[in-house]
Amino acid sequence: MTEDTTTKSIDLDEMAGKFEQSCKEAISRLSDEKERLETELRKEYRNARKFVRSNPEEGVAYAFLGGIVLGVLLTRIFSR
């Protein structure tokens, strides 16, 4: 009977070790993905800033049109 509990204990230890290893691998993969996304977002942000700096009149025009559209939508929603 003591052999049976020892075997179960070893099996549980192996399972715990495998689970811990798989968790570490998942955390590692998620960390790599986070770094990749951060790098990609930084590049996109820089590109957007460059575009706005090189075309300020377009940015102002889009903001103006967006404000008009938003104003019309809000007016229609709250005028009921």
Protein backbone atom coordinates (compact mmCIF):
# COMPACT_ATOMS: atom_id res chain seq x y z
CA MET A 1 0.00 0.00 0.00
CA THR A 2 2.87 2.41 0.67
CA GLU A 3 4.19 1.83 -2.84
CA ASP A 4 0.90 2.93 -4.29
CA THR A 5 0.95 6.32 -2.52
CA THR A 6 4.59 6.85 -3.48
CA THR A 7 3.79 6.18 -7.13
CA LYS A 8 0.86 8.60 -7.00
CA SER A 9 3.07 11.21 -5.36
CA ILE A 10 5.67 10.85 -8.10
CA ASP A 11 2.99 11.08 -10.78
CA LEU A 12 1.59 14.21 -9.19
CA ASP A 13 5.05 15.73 -8.96
CA GLU A 14 5.66 14.97 -12.64
CA MET A 15 2.31 16.45 -13.60
CA ALA A 16 3.00 19.55 -11.51
CA GLY A 17 6.40 19.93 -13.15
CA LYS A 18 4.94 19.59 -16.64
CA PHE A 19 2.20 22.08 -15.80
CA GLU A 20 4.70 24.56 -14.42
CA GLN A 21 6.89 24.18 -17.50
CA SER A 22 3.95 24.70 -19.85
CA CYS A 23 2.92 27.80 -17.88
CA LYS A 24 6.45 29.19 -18.14
CA GLU A 25 6.45 28.56 -21.90
CA ALA A 26 3.08 30.28 -22.27
CA ILE A 27 4.29 33.27 -20.25
CA SER A 28 7.43 33.44 -22.36
CA ARG A 29 5.42 33.36 -25.60
CA LEU A 30 3.06 36.04 -24.29
CA SER A 31 5.98 38.21 -23.27
CA ASP A 32 7.50 37.89 -26.75
CA GLU A 33 4.14 38.76 -28.33
CA LYS A 34 3.79 41.79 -26.03
CA GLU A 35 7.21 43.06 -27.06
CA ARG A 36 6.38 42.54 -30.75
CA LEU A 37 3.10 44.45 -30.40
CA GLU A 38 4.77 47.29 -28.50
CA THR A 39 7.38 47.63 -31.24
CA GLU A 40 4.72 47.58 -33.94
CA LEU A 41 2.62 50.20 -32.13
CA ARG A 42 5.65 52.47 -31.69
CA LYS A 43 6.35 52.27 -35.43
CA GLU A 44 2.72 53.04 -36.29
CA TYR A 45 2.68 55.97 -33.85
CA ARG A 46 5.87 57.39 -35.37
CA ASN A 47 4.43 57.03 -38.88
CA ALA A 48 1.21 58.78 -37.84
CA ARG A 49 3.16 61.64 -36.26
CA LYS A 50 5.30 62.01 -39.39
CA PHE A 51 2.19 62.12 -41.57
CA VAL A 52 0.51 64.74 -39.40
CA ARG A 53 3.66 66.86 -39.30
CA SER A 54 4.09 66.70 -43.08
CA ASN A 55 0.38 67.33 -43.80
CA PRO A 56 -1.00 69.59 -41.05
CA GLU A 57 -3.76 71.01 -43.23
CA GLU A 58 -5.21 67.53 -43.85
CA GLY A 59 -5.20 66.78 -40.14
CA VAL A 60 -7.07 70.00 -39.39
CA ALA A 61 -9.55 69.29 -42.18
CA TYR A 62 -10.25 65.76 -40.91
CA ALA A 63 -10.66 67.04 -37.37
CA PHE A 64 -13.05 69.75 -38.56
CA LEU A 65 -15.16 67.32 -40.60
CA GLY A 66 -15.18 64.82 -37.75
CA GLY A 67 -16.38 67.54 -35.38
CA ILE A 68 -19.19 68.51 -37.73
CA VAL A 69 -20.32 64.89 -38.16
CA LEU A 70 -20.15 64.26 -34.42
CA GLY A 71 -22.05 67.48 -33.73
CA VAL A 72 -24.83 66.54 -36.16
CA LEU A 73 -25.13 63.06 -34.68
CA LEU A 74 -25.26 64.34 -31.11
CA THR A 75 -27.80 67.00 -32.05
CA ARG A 76 -30.08 64.41 -33.63
CA ILE A 77 -29.74 62.05 -30.68
CA PHE A 78 -30.43 64.64 -27.97
CA SER A 79 -33.08 66.67 -29.82
CA ARG A 80 -35.70 63.92 -29.45
